[in-house]
Amino acid sequence: MGTKNITIDLEAYKRLKAHKRDDESLSQTIKRLVKPPFDLDAYIERIQKDPISKEAAEAVEEQVRLRRAPRKREEMKTPSRA
């Protein structure tokens, strides 16, 4: 793998060095802290090859509905006393 020289200001260097572990290089520190960008196209391709079951999709949809209606979620947690 090739290398590239970069210039950063002193404050940026100090912040980076503060996160550096004793057993890693600054390059390793950067790679640990700065994750690669999310590849949406690769994700879509992967889930199209191996889609989740209908039951799993319905469970996900239910969780999304519950997040959008927090009062409804609280009502489900509290048993009603009639």
C-alpha atoms as a PDB file:
ATOM      1  CA  MET A   1       0.000   0.000   0.000  1.00  0.00           C
ATOM      2  CA  GLY A   2       1.322   3.427  -0.890  1.00  0.00           C
ATOM      3  CA  THR A   3       1.668   6.406   1.377  1.00  0.00           C
ATOM      4  CA  LYS A   4       0.686  10.053   1.172  1.00  0.00           C
ATOM      5  CA  ASN A   5       2.030  12.973   3.167  1.00  0.00           C
ATOM      6  CA  ILE A   6      -0.569  15.285   4.671  1.00  0.00           C
ATOM      7  CA  THR A   7      -0.351  18.533   6.574  1.00  0.00           C
ATOM      8  CA  ILE A   8      -2.539  19.093   9.607  1.00  0.00           C
ATOM      9  CA  ASP A   9      -2.474  21.904  12.107  1.00  0.00           C
ATOM     10  CA  LEU A  10      -1.113  21.406  15.613  1.00  0.00           C
ATOM     11  CA  GLU A  11      -4.539  21.206  17.263  1.00  0.00           C
ATOM     12  CA  ALA A  12      -5.648  18.462  14.855  1.00  0.00           C
ATOM     13  CA  TYR A  13      -2.412  16.561  15.507  1.00  0.00           C
ATOM     14  CA  LYS A  14      -2.856  16.809  19.277  1.00  0.00           C
ATOM     15  CA  ARG A  15      -6.429  15.542  19.037  1.00  0.00           C
ATOM     16  CA  LEU A  16      -5.369  12.649  16.841  1.00  0.00           C
ATOM     17  CA  LYS A  17      -2.455  11.765  19.085  1.00  0.00           C
ATOM     18  CA  ALA A  18      -4.750  11.810  22.134  1.00  0.00           C
ATOM     19  CA  HIS A  19      -6.770   8.995  20.530  1.00  0.00           C
ATOM     20  CA  LYS A  20      -3.737   7.006  19.429  1.00  0.00           C
ATOM     21  CA  ARG A  21      -3.183   3.744  21.234  1.00  0.00           C
ATOM     22  CA  ASP A  22       0.323   2.688  22.201  1.00  0.00           C
ATOM     23  CA  ASP A  23       0.299  -0.253  19.804  1.00  0.00           C
ATOM     24  CA  GLU A  24      -0.927   1.555  16.685  1.00  0.00           C
ATOM     25  CA  SER A  25       0.369   3.987  14.091  1.00  0.00           C
ATOM     26  CA  LEU A  26      -1.327   7.284  13.314  1.00  0.00           C
ATOM     27  CA  SER A  27      -2.636   5.712  10.099  1.00  0.00           C
ATOM     28  CA  GLN A  28      -4.202   2.885  12.090  1.00  0.00           C
ATOM     29  CA  THR A  29      -5.701   5.438  14.490  1.00  0.00           C
ATOM     30  CA  ILE A  30      -7.284   7.357  11.617  1.00  0.00           C
ATOM     31  CA  LYS A  31      -8.690   4.149  10.110  1.00  0.00           C
ATOM     32  CA  ARG A  32     -10.125   3.132  13.477  1.00  0.00           C
ATOM     33  CA  LEU A  33     -11.737   6.516  14.102  1.00  0.00           C
ATOM     34  CA  VAL A  34     -12.858   7.402  10.570  1.00  0.00           C
ATOM     35  CA  LYS A  35     -15.019   4.618   9.223  1.00  0.00           C
ATOM     36  CA  PRO A  36     -15.362   4.133   5.454  1.00  0.00           C
ATOM     37  CA  PRO A  37     -18.449   5.741   3.921  1.00  0.00           C
ATOM     38  CA  PHE A  38     -21.552   3.568   3.766  1.00  0.00           C
ATOM     39  CA  ASP A  39     -21.912   1.971   0.333  1.00  0.00           C
ATOM     40  CA  LEU A  40     -25.683   2.046  -0.238  1.00  0.00           C
ATOM     41  CA  ASP A  41     -25.476   0.396  -3.661  1.00  0.00           C
ATOM     42  CA  ALA A  42     -23.516  -2.584  -2.281  1.00  0.00           C
ATOM     43  CA  TYR A  43     -25.967  -2.880   0.628  1.00  0.00           C
ATOM     44  CA  ILE A  44     -28.994  -2.910  -1.681  1.00  0.00           C
ATOM     45  CA  GLU A  45     -27.321  -5.475  -3.936  1.00  0.00           C
ATOM     46  CA  ARG A  46     -26.559  -7.688  -0.923  1.00  0.00           C
ATOM     47  CA  ILE A  47     -30.096  -7.617   0.465  1.00  0.00           C
ATOM     48  CA  GLN A  48     -31.580  -8.268  -2.970  1.00  0.00           C
ATOM     49  CA  LYS A  49     -29.501 -11.439  -3.223  1.00  0.00           C
ATOM     50  CA  ASP A  50     -30.594 -12.658   0.214  1.00  0.00           C
ATOM     51  CA  PRO A  51     -33.834 -10.911   1.225  1.00  0.00           C
ATOM     52  CA  ILE A  52     -35.220 -11.234   4.741  1.00  0.00           C
ATOM     53  CA  SER A  53     -38.332 -13.293   5.383  1.00  0.00           C
ATOM     54  CA  LYS A  54     -41.806 -11.790   5.286  1.00  0.00           C
ATOM     55  CA  GLU A  55     -42.067 -12.264   9.059  1.00  0.00           C
ATOM     56  CA  ALA A  56     -38.798 -10.425   9.665  1.00  0.00           C
ATOM     57  CA  ALA A  57     -39.883  -7.552   7.397  1.00  0.00           C
ATOM     58  CA  GLU A  58     -43.180  -7.271   9.274  1.00  0.00           C
ATOM     59  CA  ALA A  59     -41.331  -7.211  12.615  1.00  0.00           C
ATOM     60  CA  VAL A  60     -39.107  -4.376  11.374  1.00  0.00           C
ATOM     61  CA  GLU A  61     -42.130  -2.440  10.117  1.00  0.00           C
ATOM     62  CA  GLU A  62     -43.827  -2.863  13.495  1.00  0.00           C
ATOM     63  CA  GLN A  63     -40.786  -1.485  15.298  1.00  0.00           C
ATOM     64  CA  VAL A  64     -40.754   1.532  12.975  1.00  0.00           C
ATOM     65  CA  ARG A  65     -44.455   2.113  13.671  1.00  0.00           C
ATOM     66  CA  LEU A  66     -43.819   1.939  17.421  1.00  0.00           C
ATOM     67  CA  ARG A  67     -41.000   4.471  17.193  1.00  0.00           C
ATOM     68  CA  ARG A  68     -43.273   6.893  15.387  1.00  0.00           C
ATOM     69  CA  ALA A  69     -45.970   6.546  18.044  1.00  0.00           C
ATOM     70  CA  PRO A  70     -44.249   6.666  21.454  1.00  0.00           C
ATOM     71  CA  ARG A  71     -47.534   6.960  23.377  1.00  0.00           C
ATOM     72  CA  LYS A  72     -48.764   3.778  21.746  1.00  0.00           C
ATOM     73  CA  ARG A  73     -45.574   2.004  22.819  1.00  0.00           C
ATOM     74  CA  GLU A  74     -46.068   3.087  26.441  1.00  0.00           C
ATOM     75  CA  GLU A  75     -49.660   1.870  26.346  1.00  0.00           C
ATOM     76  CA  MET A  76     -48.454  -1.525  25.167  1.00  0.00           C
ATOM     77  CA  LYS A  77     -46.005  -1.774  28.074  1.00  0.00           C
ATOM     78  CA  THR A  78     -48.553  -0.885  30.749  1.00  0.00           C
ATOM     79  CA  PRO A  79     -51.208  -3.534  31.337  1.00  0.00           C
ATOM     80  CA  SER A  80     -54.655  -2.021  31.311  1.00  0.00           C
ATOM     81  CA  ARG A  81     -56.790  -2.338  34.408  1.00  0.00           C
ATOM     82  CA  ALA A  82     -60.442  -2.535  33.586  1.00  0.00           C
END
